[in-house]
């Protein structure tokens, strides 16, 4: 499960909205694999960060059409997960350092 856990969670999303959700709702935001479901995201966060997860919400984003000069194409589709930590759990370290 350890190798799969690092394939499920791609990277943390550190934006103004993500930091606001962290402060008010005890929630962290990750970019996850497109084929990952809520259960896989929950298990991956619990395995990697050693915390208990209360709930997971996901959102799918479709790639936008982009042009640069004569070349054109689409960005890749991606998925975002909002992971709410259980009450009493310490916030994940990467988000505290900002």
C-alpha atoms as a PDB file:
ATOM      1  CA  UNK A   1       0.000   0.000   0.000  1.00  0.00           C
ATOM      2  CA  UNK A   2       2.938   2.362   0.554  1.00  0.00           C
ATOM      3  CA  UNK A   3       3.900   2.594  -3.128  1.00  0.00           C
ATOM      4  CA  UNK A   4       0.269   2.987  -4.137  1.00  0.00           C
ATOM      5  CA  UNK A   5      -0.242   5.709  -1.504  1.00  0.00           C
ATOM      6  CA  UNK A   6       2.429   7.874  -3.128  1.00  0.00           C
ATOM      7  CA  UNK A   7       0.814   7.302  -6.526  1.00  0.00           C
ATOM      8  CA  UNK A   8      -2.603   8.412  -5.236  1.00  0.00           C
ATOM      9  CA  UNK A   9      -1.441  11.719  -3.714  1.00  0.00           C
ATOM     10  CA  UNK A  10       0.381  13.820  -6.300  1.00  0.00           C
ATOM     11  CA  UNK A  11       1.108  17.075  -4.440  1.00  0.00           C
ATOM     12  CA  UNK A  12      -0.362  19.461  -1.893  1.00  0.00           C
ATOM     13  CA  UNK A  13      -2.201  22.472  -3.273  1.00  0.00           C
ATOM     14  CA  UNK A  14      -0.918  25.558  -1.492  1.00  0.00           C
ATOM     15  CA  UNK A  15      -3.139  28.471  -2.486  1.00  0.00           C
ATOM     16  CA  UNK A  16      -4.894  31.266  -0.640  1.00  0.00           C
ATOM     17  CA  UNK A  17      -8.156  29.316  -0.682  1.00  0.00           C
ATOM     18  CA  UNK A  18      -6.405  26.160   0.492  1.00  0.00           C
ATOM     19  CA  UNK A  19      -4.795  27.957   3.420  1.00  0.00           C
ATOM     20  CA  UNK A  20      -8.146  29.533   4.356  1.00  0.00           C
ATOM     21  CA  UNK A  21      -9.812  26.117   4.445  1.00  0.00           C
ATOM     22  CA  UNK A  22      -6.912  24.819   6.551  1.00  0.00           C
ATOM     23  CA  UNK A  23      -7.397  27.544   9.153  1.00  0.00           C
ATOM     24  CA  UNK A  24     -11.199  27.491   9.390  1.00  0.00           C
ATOM     25  CA  UNK A  25     -12.200  23.876   8.674  1.00  0.00           C
ATOM     26  CA  UNK A  26      -9.114  21.811   9.728  1.00  0.00           C
ATOM     27  CA  UNK A  27      -8.872  20.598   6.118  1.00  0.00           C
ATOM     28  CA  UNK A  28      -5.934  20.101   3.742  1.00  0.00           C
ATOM     29  CA  UNK A  29      -6.062  20.112  -0.061  1.00  0.00           C
ATOM     30  CA  UNK A  30      -4.223  17.717  -2.403  1.00  0.00           C
ATOM     31  CA  UNK A  31      -4.000  17.038  -6.110  1.00  0.00           C
ATOM     32  CA  UNK A  32      -4.712  13.326  -6.448  1.00  0.00           C
ATOM     33  CA  UNK A  33      -4.716  10.744  -9.223  1.00  0.00           C
ATOM     34  CA  UNK A  34      -7.721  11.008 -11.541  1.00  0.00           C
ATOM     35  CA  UNK A  35      -8.708   7.362 -10.974  1.00  0.00           C
ATOM     36  CA  UNK A  36      -8.444   7.568  -7.156  1.00  0.00           C
ATOM     37  CA  UNK A  37     -11.659   7.297  -5.152  1.00  0.00           C
ATOM     38  CA  UNK A  38     -12.395   8.766  -1.715  1.00  0.00           C
ATOM     39  CA  UNK A  39     -11.463   5.561   0.111  1.00  0.00           C
ATOM     40  CA  UNK A  40      -8.072   5.366  -1.602  1.00  0.00           C
ATOM     41  CA  UNK A  41      -7.358   9.039  -0.796  1.00  0.00           C
ATOM     42  CA  UNK A  42      -8.320   8.514   2.853  1.00  0.00           C
ATOM     43  CA  UNK A  43      -6.069   5.444   3.213  1.00  0.00           C
ATOM     44  CA  UNK A  44      -3.171   7.187   1.456  1.00  0.00           C
ATOM     45  CA  UNK A  45      -3.305  10.256   3.732  1.00  0.00           C
ATOM     46  CA  UNK A  46      -3.543   8.063   6.836  1.00  0.00           C
ATOM     47  CA  UNK A  47      -0.585   5.943   5.662  1.00  0.00           C
ATOM     48  CA  UNK A  48       1.731   8.765   4.595  1.00  0.00           C
ATOM     49  CA  UNK A  49       1.034  11.379   7.289  1.00  0.00           C
ATOM     50  CA  UNK A  50       0.021   9.102  10.217  1.00  0.00           C
ATOM     51  CA  UNK A  51      -3.176  11.031  11.003  1.00  0.00           C
ATOM     52  CA  UNK A  52      -6.863  10.075  11.218  1.00  0.00           C
ATOM     53  CA  UNK A  53      -9.156  11.388   8.493  1.00  0.00           C
ATOM     54  CA  UNK A  54     -12.763  12.366   9.213  1.00  0.00           C
ATOM     55  CA  UNK A  55     -13.990  12.905   5.629  1.00  0.00           C
ATOM     56  CA  UNK A  56     -12.869  13.383   2.024  1.00  0.00           C
ATOM     57  CA  UNK A  57     -14.472  15.523  -0.690  1.00  0.00           C
ATOM     58  CA  UNK A  58     -13.286  15.368  -4.297  1.00  0.00           C
ATOM     59  CA  UNK A  59     -13.677  17.601  -7.339  1.00  0.00           C
ATOM     60  CA  UNK A  60     -12.827  16.799 -10.973  1.00  0.00           C
ATOM     61  CA  UNK A  61     -11.376  19.477 -13.252  1.00  0.00           C
ATOM     62  CA  UNK A  62     -11.342  19.175 -17.025  1.00  0.00           C
ATOM     63  CA  UNK A  63      -8.297  20.352 -18.959  1.00  0.00           C
ATOM     64  CA  UNK A  64      -8.608  23.790 -20.531  1.00  0.00           C
ATOM     65  CA  UNK A  65      -7.956  24.528 -24.187  1.00  0.00           C
ATOM     66  CA  UNK A  66      -4.720  26.519 -24.561  1.00  0.00           C
ATOM     67  CA  UNK A  67      -2.793  28.060 -27.471  1.00  0.00           C
ATOM     68  CA  UNK A  68       0.761  29.280 -27.800  1.00  0.00           C
ATOM     69  CA  UNK A  69       1.369  30.734 -31.237  1.00  0.00           C
ATOM     70  CA  UNK A  70       0.257  28.239 -33.853  1.00  0.00           C
ATOM     71  CA  UNK A  71       0.353  25.234 -31.544  1.00  0.00           C
ATOM     72  CA  UNK A  72      -2.751  24.377 -29.574  1.00  0.00           C
ATOM     73  CA  UNK A  73      -3.914  21.656 -27.240  1.00  0.00           C
ATOM     74  CA  UNK A  74      -5.525  20.792 -23.942  1.00  0.00           C
ATOM     75  CA  UNK A  75      -4.118  20.714 -20.431  1.00  0.00           C
ATOM     76  CA  UNK A  76      -4.482  17.420 -18.619  1.00  0.00           C
ATOM     77  CA  UNK A  77      -7.570  16.592 -16.548  1.00  0.00           C
ATOM     78  CA  UNK A  78      -6.940  16.528 -12.806  1.00  0.00           C
ATOM     79  CA  UNK A  79      -8.638  15.854  -9.495  1.00  0.00           C
ATOM     80  CA  UNK A  80      -8.578  17.781  -6.204  1.00  0.00           C
ATOM     81  CA  UNK A  81      -9.311  16.280  -2.780  1.00  0.00           C
ATOM     82  CA  UNK A  82     -10.314  18.177   0.350  1.00  0.00           C
ATOM     83  CA  UNK A  83      -9.276  16.017   3.334  1.00  0.00           C
ATOM     84  CA  UNK A  84     -10.772  16.920   6.711  1.00  0.00           C
ATOM     85  CA  UNK A  85      -8.749  15.651   9.638  1.00  0.00           C
ATOM     86  CA  UNK A  86     -10.416  14.116  12.679  1.00  0.00           C
ATOM     87  CA  UNK A  87     -10.938  16.373  15.729  1.00  0.00           C
ATOM     88  CA  UNK A  88      -7.849  16.492  17.928  1.00  0.00           C
ATOM     89  CA  UNK A  89      -5.430  15.556  15.132  1.00  0.00           C
ATOM     90  CA  UNK A  90      -2.362  17.699  14.561  1.00  0.00           C
ATOM     91  CA  UNK A  91      -2.274  19.568  11.240  1.00  0.00           C
ATOM     92  CA  UNK A  92       0.008  18.087   8.558  1.00  0.00           C
ATOM     93  CA  UNK A  93       3.517  19.590   8.708  1.00  0.00           C
ATOM     94  CA  UNK A  94       3.845  21.074   5.219  1.00  0.00           C
ATOM     95  CA  UNK A  95       0.927  23.405   5.879  1.00  0.00           C
ATOM     96  CA  UNK A  96       2.262  24.709   9.215  1.00  0.00           C
ATOM     97  CA  UNK A  97       5.515  26.054   7.765  1.00  0.00           C
ATOM     98  CA  UNK A  98       3.841  28.706   5.603  1.00  0.00           C
END
